[in-house]
N, C-alpha and C. Protein backbone atom coordinates (compact mmCIF):
# COMPACT_ATOMS: atom_id res chain seq x y z
N MET A 1 10.61 4.63 14.51
CA MET A 1 9.30 4.02 13.96
C MET A 1 9.18 3.97 15.07
N GLU A 2 7.82 4.88 15.39
CA GLU A 2 7.16 4.65 17.73
C GLU A 2 6.99 3.07 18.00
N GLY A 3 7.17 2.47 18.97
CA GLY A 3 7.13 1.71 19.09
C GLY A 3 7.53 0.22 18.52
N LEU A 4 8.89 0.06 17.65
CA LEU A 4 9.20 -0.37 17.47
C LEU A 4 10.44 -0.49 18.49
N PRO A 5 11.43 -2.15 18.56
CA PRO A 5 12.39 -2.05 19.09
C PRO A 5 13.61 -1.41 18.61
N ARG A 6 14.70 -0.42 19.35
CA ARG A 6 15.93 0.77 19.03
C ARG A 6 16.78 -0.94 19.05
N MET A 7 17.64 -0.64 17.34
CA MET A 7 18.70 -1.72 17.11
C MET A 7 19.74 -0.91 17.59
N ASP A 8 20.39 -2.28 17.37
CA ASP A 8 21.93 -2.11 18.16
C ASP A 8 22.05 -1.24 16.67
N THR A 9 23.27 0.04 17.23
CA THR A 9 24.26 0.89 16.30
C THR A 9 25.21 0.13 16.02
N SER A 10 26.17 -1.02 16.47
CA SER A 10 27.39 -0.95 16.77
C SER A 10 27.34 -2.31 15.64
N ALA A 11 25.95 -3.16 15.28
CA ALA A 11 25.87 -4.45 14.30
C ALA A 11 25.84 -4.19 13.06
N SER A 12 27.04 -4.52 12.56
CA SER A 12 26.77 -4.23 10.76
C SER A 12 25.78 -3.74 10.87
N PRO A 13 26.20 -3.00 9.29
CA PRO A 13 24.88 -2.43 8.45
C PRO A 13 24.04 -3.87 8.25
N ALA A 14 24.60 -5.00 7.31
CA ALA A 14 23.80 -5.97 7.15
C ALA A 14 23.02 -6.42 8.52
N ALA A 15 23.11 -6.60 9.32
CA ALA A 15 22.62 -6.95 10.84
C ALA A 15 21.42 -6.61 11.20
N GLN A 16 22.46 -4.50 10.80
CA GLN A 16 20.92 -3.52 10.84
C GLN A 16 19.70 -3.79 9.88
N ALA A 17 19.81 -3.73 8.86
CA ALA A 17 19.02 -4.18 8.09
C ALA A 17 18.22 -4.87 8.53
N VAL A 18 18.59 -5.90 8.69
CA VAL A 18 18.32 -7.70 9.09
C VAL A 18 16.90 -7.57 10.27
N ALA A 19 17.34 -6.55 10.92
CA ALA A 19 16.60 -6.18 12.19
C ALA A 19 16.09 -4.90 12.25
N ALA A 20 16.10 -4.55 10.86
CA ALA A 20 15.09 -3.23 10.94
C ALA A 20 13.76 -3.83 9.76
N VAL A 21 13.96 -4.93 8.65
CA VAL A 21 13.21 -5.64 8.61
C VAL A 21 12.16 -6.65 9.53
N ASP A 22 13.04 -7.16 10.07
CA ASP A 22 12.01 -7.98 11.69
C ASP A 22 11.46 -7.44 12.33
N ALA A 23 11.83 -6.33 12.31
CA ALA A 23 11.21 -5.19 13.30
C ALA A 23 9.52 -4.81 12.89
N ALA A 24 10.36 -4.85 11.84
CA ALA A 24 9.15 -3.89 11.23
C ALA A 24 7.79 -4.93 10.04
N ILE A 25 8.43 -6.70 10.31
CA ILE A 25 7.58 -7.32 10.17
C ILE A 25 6.89 -7.80 11.82
N THR A 26 7.42 -8.40 12.18
CA THR A 26 6.44 -8.26 13.76
C THR A 26 5.96 -7.36 14.19
N SER A 27 6.22 -6.23 14.22
CA SER A 27 5.63 -4.99 14.38
C SER A 27 3.80 -4.96 13.71
N ARG A 28 4.15 -5.65 12.37
CA ARG A 28 3.13 -5.18 11.43
C ARG A 28 1.37 -5.45 12.11
N ARG A 29 0.39 -4.05 11.92
CA ARG A 29 -0.74 -4.73 12.26
C ARG A 29 -1.49 -3.44 11.85
N SER A 30 -2.76 -4.40 11.63
CA SER A 30 -4.11 -3.29 10.60
C SER A 30 -4.41 -2.58 11.31
N VAL A 31 -4.63 -1.39 10.75
CA VAL A 31 -5.13 -0.45 10.92
C VAL A 31 -6.37 -0.18 9.85
N ARG A 32 -7.37 0.21 10.70
CA ARG A 32 -9.32 0.58 9.71
C ARG A 32 -9.74 1.72 10.73
N ALA A 33 -9.15 2.57 11.17
CA ALA A 33 -9.03 3.72 11.79
C ALA A 33 -8.51 5.15 11.24
N PHE A 34 -8.53 5.56 10.78
CA PHE A 34 -7.47 6.71 10.21
C PHE A 34 -7.39 8.17 10.80
N LEU A 35 -6.73 8.87 11.31
CA LEU A 35 -7.58 10.22 11.84
C LEU A 35 -7.34 11.25 10.26
N PRO A 36 -8.15 12.36 10.74
CA PRO A 36 -8.79 13.10 9.22
C PRO A 36 -7.95 13.86 8.65
N ASP A 37 -6.52 13.73 9.52
CA ASP A 37 -5.11 14.89 9.17
C ASP A 37 -5.10 14.09 8.00
N PRO A 38 -4.85 14.99 6.82
CA PRO A 38 -3.91 15.10 5.42
C PRO A 38 -2.67 14.03 6.16
N VAL A 39 -1.88 13.61 4.80
CA VAL A 39 -0.38 13.19 4.94
C VAL A 39 0.61 14.01 3.98
N PRO A 40 0.80 14.61 4.87
CA PRO A 40 2.03 15.58 3.84
C PRO A 40 2.68 15.14 2.49
N ARG A 41 3.04 15.73 1.19
CA ARG A 41 3.45 15.60 0.53
C ARG A 41 4.90 15.12 0.46
N GLN A 42 5.47 15.83 1.01
CA GLN A 42 6.54 14.96 1.04
C GLN A 42 6.86 13.51 1.50
N ALA A 43 5.74 12.89 2.17
CA ALA A 43 5.97 12.22 3.17
C ALA A 43 5.40 11.10 1.90
N ILE A 44 4.24 11.13 1.17
CA ILE A 44 3.58 10.34 -0.02
C ILE A 44 4.54 10.19 -0.84
N GLU A 45 5.39 10.68 -0.99
CA GLU A 45 6.46 10.28 -2.05
C GLU A 45 7.57 9.97 -1.80
N ALA A 46 8.24 10.65 -0.17
CA ALA A 46 8.87 9.26 -0.08
C ALA A 46 8.80 8.13 -0.39
N ILE A 47 7.88 7.58 -0.05
CA ILE A 47 6.83 5.90 0.32
C ILE A 47 6.54 5.44 -0.71
N LEU A 48 6.65 6.46 -1.93
CA LEU A 48 6.54 6.13 -3.41
C LEU A 48 7.58 6.38 -4.67
N ARG A 49 8.79 7.04 -4.06
CA ARG A 49 9.70 6.58 -4.46
C ARG A 49 10.73 5.55 -3.32
N VAL A 50 10.08 4.97 -2.73
CA VAL A 50 10.66 3.90 -1.99
C VAL A 50 9.72 1.96 -2.27
N ALA A 51 8.78 2.39 -2.42
CA ALA A 51 8.09 1.00 -3.50
C ALA A 51 7.77 1.16 -5.00
N GLY A 52 7.98 2.49 -5.17
CA GLY A 52 9.15 2.43 -7.42
C GLY A 52 10.14 1.17 -6.93
N ARG A 53 10.76 0.91 -6.16
CA ARG A 53 11.86 0.43 -6.05
C ARG A 53 11.70 -1.12 -5.47
N ALA A 54 10.43 -2.01 -5.50
CA ALA A 54 10.04 -2.79 -5.05
C ALA A 54 10.09 -3.45 -6.02
N PRO A 55 10.78 -4.89 -6.29
CA PRO A 55 10.72 -5.72 -7.38
C PRO A 55 9.36 -6.70 -7.57
N SER A 56 9.29 -6.34 -9.51
CA SER A 56 8.34 -7.58 -9.88
C SER A 56 9.13 -8.58 -10.26
N GLY A 57 7.46 -9.64 -10.91
CA GLY A 57 8.10 -10.17 -11.81
C GLY A 57 8.97 -9.99 -12.78
N THR A 58 9.87 -10.24 -13.84
CA THR A 58 10.72 -9.89 -14.52
C THR A 58 10.66 -8.94 -15.13
N ASN A 59 11.03 -7.69 -13.58
CA ASN A 59 10.48 -6.45 -13.23
C ASN A 59 9.73 -5.25 -14.23
N THR A 60 8.56 -6.53 -14.81
CA THR A 60 7.76 -5.41 -15.30
C THR A 60 6.78 -4.11 -14.68
N GLN A 61 7.06 -4.65 -13.26
CA GLN A 61 6.95 -3.45 -12.27
C GLN A 61 5.39 -2.81 -12.85
N PRO A 62 4.48 -4.00 -12.65
CA PRO A 62 3.11 -3.42 -13.74
C PRO A 62 2.34 -2.86 -12.75
N TRP A 63 2.85 -1.55 -12.21
CA TRP A 63 1.46 -1.47 -10.82
C TRP A 63 1.49 0.55 -11.32
N LYS A 64 -0.25 0.98 -11.27
CA LYS A 64 0.33 1.67 -11.49
C LYS A 64 -0.07 2.13 -10.19
N VAL A 65 0.24 3.49 -9.88
CA VAL A 65 -0.41 4.27 -8.52
C VAL A 65 -1.74 5.59 -8.90
N ASP A 66 -2.18 5.80 -8.24
CA ASP A 66 -2.42 7.65 -8.05
C ASP A 66 -3.33 7.59 -6.79
N VAL A 67 -2.20 8.82 -6.50
CA VAL A 67 -2.73 10.11 -5.29
C VAL A 67 -3.39 10.77 -5.14
N LEU A 68 -4.28 10.02 -4.21
CA LEU A 68 -5.92 10.75 -3.91
C LEU A 68 -5.87 12.31 -2.93
N THR A 69 -6.18 13.13 -2.99
CA THR A 69 -6.00 14.60 -2.10
C THR A 69 -7.44 14.69 -1.82
N GLY A 70 -7.85 15.00 -0.99
CA GLY A 70 -8.96 15.10 -0.50
C GLY A 70 -10.50 14.37 -0.58
N PRO A 71 -11.56 14.58 -0.19
CA PRO A 71 -12.18 13.75 0.45
C PRO A 71 -13.18 13.67 -1.04
N ASP A 72 -13.49 14.64 -1.46
CA ASP A 72 -14.02 14.65 -2.86
C ASP A 72 -13.79 13.58 -4.21
N HIS A 73 -12.03 13.74 -3.80
CA HIS A 73 -11.49 12.82 -5.00
C HIS A 73 -11.16 10.96 -4.44
N VAL A 74 -11.98 11.14 -3.09
CA VAL A 74 -11.12 9.53 -2.69
C VAL A 74 -13.06 8.65 -2.68
N LEU A 75 -14.29 9.91 -2.35
CA LEU A 75 -15.60 9.11 -2.15
C LEU A 75 -15.63 9.16 -4.33
N ARG A 76 -15.73 9.65 -5.83
CA ARG A 76 -15.06 9.30 -6.48
C ARG A 76 -14.28 9.10 -7.10
N CYS A 77 -13.88 8.17 -6.35
CA CYS A 77 -12.28 6.99 -6.89
C CYS A 77 -13.36 5.85 -6.10
N HIS A 78 -13.92 6.03 -5.78
CA HIS A 78 -14.78 5.06 -4.09
C HIS A 78 -16.31 4.24 -5.58
N ALA A 79 -16.82 5.53 -5.89
CA ALA A 79 -18.04 5.34 -6.70
C ALA A 79 -17.30 4.71 -8.14
N ARG A 80 -16.74 4.82 -8.17
CA ARG A 80 -16.10 3.97 -10.25
C ARG A 80 -15.17 2.63 -9.41
N GLY A 81 -15.01 2.88 -8.50
CA GLY A 81 -14.78 0.96 -8.46
C GLY A 81 -15.56 0.92 -7.75
N LYS A 82 -16.84 1.22 -7.08
CA LYS A 82 -17.60 0.29 -7.51
C LYS A 82 -19.03 -0.10 -8.09
N GLN A 83 -18.84 0.44 -8.75
CA GLN A 83 -19.57 0.69 -10.44
C GLN A 83 -18.55 -0.30 -11.27
N ALA A 84 -17.18 -0.24 -11.59
CA ALA A 84 -16.19 -1.89 -11.29
C ALA A 84 -17.03 -2.97 -11.31
N LEU A 85 -16.75 -2.83 -10.39
CA LEU A 85 -16.62 -4.19 -9.01
C LEU A 85 -18.24 -5.06 -9.83
N VAL A 86 -19.41 -3.94 -9.59
CA VAL A 86 -20.67 -5.24 -10.23
C VAL A 86 -20.90 -5.24 -11.75
N THR A 87 -20.30 -4.61 -12.50
CA THR A 87 -19.93 -4.44 -13.63
C THR A 87 -19.52 -6.15 -13.93
N VAL A 88 -18.45 -5.81 -13.42
CA VAL A 88 -17.24 -7.28 -13.15
C VAL A 88 -17.83 -8.77 -12.69
N ALA A 89 -18.76 -8.27 -11.42
CA ALA A 89 -19.78 -9.68 -11.42
C ALA A 89 -21.24 -9.80 -12.09
N LYS A 90 -21.68 -8.56 -12.94
CA LYS A 90 -22.75 -9.05 -13.69
C LYS A 90 -21.97 -10.25 -15.12
N HIS A 91 -20.94 -9.28 -15.23
CA HIS A 91 -20.36 -10.29 -15.91
C HIS A 91 -19.86 -11.83 -16.09
N GLN A 92 -19.16 -12.15 -14.65
CA GLN A 92 -19.29 -13.43 -14.18
C GLN A 92 -20.78 -13.67 -13.85
N LEU A 93 -21.08 -13.55 -13.82
CA LEU A 93 -22.57 -14.27 -13.30
C LEU A 93 -23.26 -14.71 -14.73
N ARG A 94 -23.13 -13.22 -15.60
CA ARG A 94 -23.62 -13.99 -16.56
C ARG A 94 -22.75 -15.03 -17.51
N ASP A 95 -21.70 -15.35 -17.59
CA ASP A 95 -20.72 -16.40 -17.55
C ASP A 95 -21.67 -18.20 -17.52
N LEU A 96 -21.67 -17.59 -15.75
CA LEU A 96 -21.74 -19.14 -15.03
C LEU A 96 -22.99 -19.35 -15.77
N ASP A 97 -24.36 -18.83 -16.11
CA ASP A 97 -25.25 -19.28 -16.66
C ASP A 97 -25.07 -19.87 -18.19
N ARG A 98 -24.46 -18.79 -18.40
CA ARG A 98 -23.88 -20.11 -20.24
C ARG A 98 -23.26 -21.56 -20.38
N SER A 99 -23.05 -21.32 -18.93
CA SER A 99 -22.12 -22.73 -19.12
C SER A 99 -22.85 -23.65 -18.28
């Protein structure tokens, strides 16, 4: 990864793993601007393979992943998400009024 320090390849595999995790965590940053270039499908599949091995409580793995490609899909998903948030907020306000 660009910007990460080089790891000592003479260290034990466990030490290398610890150093890799440490480097990833300490170099983390928020990104709010993205390039318009599409992410290669192979990269998405590799990321999802790794993410699929993430632990969850009692190994329930309660997540669902949808991969959206192209601006039309993203805009439709955004609109549906926005509508769902509005619906939830209306129900919560109604419940507050009843109490």
